[in-house]
Amino acid sequence: MFFEWNEKIQLGVIRMDEEHKTLIAFMNALHSLNETNAGKDRVLAKFDELIRYAGKNFADEEAYMKEIAYTKLQNHSYIHRQLMENLQDYRDHFSANAATQLPKELFLLLKGWLT
């Protein structure tokens, strides 16, 4: 398994923690497909699911932060946009070139972001 949920990354906000667990499941599935050379179409499909769910999670997080008047919401939103752009860039580059596997750097980015 690429990434396991642990208490160190728990926020204590049930909805957000559940979404993060789902994100980890998407990350693990993408990593597994990538490592087993499952085929570019399957990897891209799972990557697209991860990107869509990350966008949902970010929207939910930002709505929650607005609800609680989180003072660093603007900065956090910027980080979310940057990460979404990075994910889309990795996806587009993988789709457009002959590579059969996503780069290890993508998975380091994913793990680092959530931790």
Protein backbone atom coordinates (compact mmCIF):
# COMPACT_ATOMS: atom_id res chain seq x y z
CA MET A 1 0.00 0.00 0.00
CA PHE A 2 1.30 3.40 -1.01
CA PHE A 3 -0.28 5.55 1.70
CA GLU A 4 -2.14 4.67 4.89
CA TRP A 5 -4.45 6.84 6.93
CA ASN A 6 -3.10 7.66 10.36
CA GLU A 7 -4.01 9.87 13.29
CA LYS A 8 -1.23 12.35 12.50
CA ILE A 9 -3.18 13.62 9.50
CA GLN A 10 -6.56 13.58 11.25
CA LEU A 11 -8.18 16.99 11.43
CA GLY A 12 -10.93 16.11 13.85
CA VAL A 13 -13.59 17.34 11.40
CA ILE A 14 -15.42 14.14 10.51
CA ARG A 15 -16.52 15.23 7.02
CA MET A 16 -13.02 16.36 6.05
CA ASP A 17 -11.34 13.32 7.56
CA GLU A 18 -13.70 11.04 5.59
CA GLU A 19 -12.94 12.93 2.39
CA HIS A 20 -9.22 12.63 3.06
CA LYS A 21 -9.62 8.88 3.57
CA THR A 22 -11.34 8.73 0.18
CA LEU A 23 -8.52 10.73 -1.38
CA ILE A 24 -6.02 8.27 0.05
CA ALA A 25 -8.02 5.41 -1.47
CA PHE A 26 -7.85 7.14 -4.87
CA MET A 27 -4.10 7.72 -4.43
CA ASN A 28 -3.55 4.07 -3.52
CA ALA A 29 -5.60 2.86 -6.49
CA LEU A 30 -3.72 5.15 -8.88
CA HIS A 31 -0.38 4.06 -7.45
CA SER A 32 -1.32 0.39 -7.74
CA LEU A 33 -2.44 0.76 -11.37
CA ASN A 34 0.75 2.64 -12.15
CA GLU A 35 3.03 0.11 -10.46
CA THR A 36 1.38 -2.89 -12.14
CA ASN A 37 1.51 -1.34 -15.63
CA ALA A 38 -2.27 -1.56 -15.88
CA GLY A 39 -2.39 0.38 -19.12
CA LYS A 40 -2.46 4.03 -19.90
CA ASP A 41 -6.24 4.27 -20.34
CA ARG A 42 -6.93 2.76 -16.92
CA VAL A 43 -4.30 4.95 -15.24
CA LEU A 44 -5.71 8.08 -16.89
CA ALA A 45 -9.26 7.17 -15.90
CA LYS A 46 -8.24 6.74 -12.25
CA PHE A 47 -6.15 9.92 -12.36
CA ASP A 48 -9.20 11.80 -13.67
CA GLU A 49 -11.28 10.42 -10.78
CA LEU A 50 -8.63 11.56 -8.31
CA ILE A 51 -8.52 15.04 -9.82
CA ARG A 52 -12.32 15.37 -9.73
CA TYR A 53 -12.49 14.21 -6.13
CA ALA A 54 -9.64 16.50 -5.08
CA GLY A 55 -11.58 19.41 -6.60
CA LYS A 56 -14.67 18.40 -4.61
CA ASN A 57 -12.63 18.08 -1.44
CA PHE A 58 -11.06 21.50 -1.94
CA ALA A 59 -14.45 23.12 -2.54
CA ASP A 60 -15.83 21.45 0.59
CA GLU A 61 -12.81 22.48 2.65
CA GLU A 62 -13.01 26.06 1.49
CA ALA A 63 -16.75 26.21 2.26
CA TYR A 64 -16.05 24.87 5.74
CA MET A 65 -13.21 27.35 6.25
CA LYS A 66 -15.51 30.19 5.20
CA GLU A 67 -18.15 28.89 7.62
CA ILE A 68 -15.72 29.02 10.54
CA ALA A 69 -14.15 32.33 9.39
CA TYR A 70 -10.73 30.76 8.92
CA THR A 71 -8.30 33.68 8.65
CA LYS A 72 -5.96 31.99 6.15
CA LEU A 73 -8.68 30.94 3.70
CA GLN A 74 -7.29 33.01 0.83
CA ASN A 75 -3.82 31.47 1.22
CA HIS A 76 -5.26 27.97 1.52
CA SER A 77 -7.39 28.50 -1.60
CA TYR A 78 -4.29 29.57 -3.51
CA ILE A 79 -2.51 26.37 -2.42
CA HIS A 80 -5.50 24.34 -3.60
CA ARG A 81 -5.45 26.04 -7.02
CA GLN A 82 -1.71 25.44 -7.37
CA LEU A 83 -2.09 21.77 -6.51
CA MET A 84 -4.95 21.33 -8.98
CA GLU A 85 -2.83 22.95 -11.69
CA ASN A 86 0.09 20.65 -10.82
CA LEU A 87 -2.13 17.56 -10.96
CA GLN A 88 -3.60 18.62 -14.30
CA ASP A 89 -0.11 19.29 -15.68
CA TYR A 90 1.06 15.81 -14.65
CA ARG A 91 -2.07 14.30 -16.16
CA ASP A 92 -1.76 16.22 -19.44
CA HIS A 93 1.94 15.45 -19.79
CA PHE A 94 1.35 11.74 -19.17
CA SER A 95 -1.52 11.68 -21.64
CA ALA A 96 0.46 13.43 -24.36
CA ASN A 97 3.71 11.48 -24.22
CA ALA A 98 4.77 7.88 -24.74
CA ALA A 99 5.44 7.17 -21.06
CA THR A 100 3.66 4.13 -19.68
CA GLN A 101 3.99 5.13 -16.03
CA LEU A 102 3.40 8.26 -14.04
CA PRO A 103 6.55 9.73 -12.50
CA LYS A 104 7.46 8.98 -8.89
CA GLU A 105 7.52 12.75 -8.23
CA LEU A 106 3.74 12.85 -8.65
CA PHE A 107 3.27 10.39 -5.82
CA LEU A 108 5.71 12.29 -3.62
CA LEU A 109 3.70 15.44 -4.32
CA LEU A 110 0.43 13.70 -3.41
CA LYS A 111 1.76 12.23 -0.19
CA GLY A 112 3.48 15.45 0.83
CA TRP A 113 0.38 17.50 0.15
CA LEU A 114 -1.90 15.42 2.33
CA THR A 115 0.56 15.03 5.17
